[in-house]
Amino acid sequence: MPGDSKRIAVTGGHGKVGKVLVPYLKDKGYDVFVIDRDAPSDPDELAMVADLTDFGQTLDALSSVGEDTYARAEPRAFDVVVHLASIPHPRMLPDSDEFRLNMMATYNVFEAARRLGIKDIVWAASEVGIGVPFDKTDVPYVPVDEDYPMRGYNVYALTKVLGEEMARQFCLNDPEMRITCLRLSNVMDPEEYAKFEGWQDDPTRRLWNMWTYIDNRDAAQGIECAVRYDVRGKDAFLITNDETVMRRPTAELLERYYPQAERKKAFTGNEVILSNAKAKRVLGFKPVHRWTDEV
């Protein structure tokens, strides 16, 4: 249990990650307020319907204090903002619309929080900002870590690359701010693990992110670890599970599909290639849900 019952705003709380994260945070004792474009299905959920591409609505939503007749708007309404809201894949909309929506929502959340005196933000960045799809870009070395060169291959990835740079600039301009960028891997719910068997005979179907995934429950744990992180400035962490989506040994896969990549370590078993070592060391992240235990 957290010692101070922090109040947390979760944007996009009705999305795939949010539906697991919000109850997880509540179970940990946090006071959670959801901000989403969709109305809550639970009438008792503390939530506001808001369009985060509109700065006025974003500012007002992040000012929310109290509930029912005690509700009002004030600065410093939240201890932490967890910003999940995003168009989650490329080509769901015309590129210019996806760029506008993702960038405006992220800017508005960062700027509204800054103006309201909310100095802690956890942002759902993505693995895609470091060169995904890897089979279409250079792979200088493995394991992949947070020092990897950033590259926006498509519009979705571009919004993640530029969002991280925007986070860095916000923190440079306000030394009291910290924006923790979590580079979430491909998020999987337990019911999706059945399809992993279909990939075992054709590894090329998962070449694009080097066979990496994150269990949604472990994603929630990683986000909660970041909520408790208290180091000022911008930082980034890969949030991945410990193993790949393949049963085949990682060393064999790398030799077959990425022979040119420099090996900075030896891989054992089906060890993950997008490394979560920094998140483990700095945030205390410990993924516990393995797809092979679920199938």
Foldseek 3Di string as FASTA:
>chain_A
DDDPQFEEEEEPLVDDLNVQQVVVVVVVRHRYEYEYCDDDPDPPGRYDRFQLLDLVRLLQRQQWADDDPPTDGAFPRGQEYEYDDAPDDPPPDPLVVRLSRLQSSLVSNLVSNVVSVRAHYEYAAAPVQQPFQPLVDPAAAWLAFPPHDGDQPGSNSVSSNVSLVVQQVSCVVPVSHEYEYEHAYAEDELVPLVCLVVCAVPVVVVSRNLQWHAYSNLVSVLVVLSSPDRDGGYDYFYRTDQFGSYQPFSVVVCVVRPVNHHYPDDGDGRGDTNDRVVSCVRSVRDDDDDSVVRD
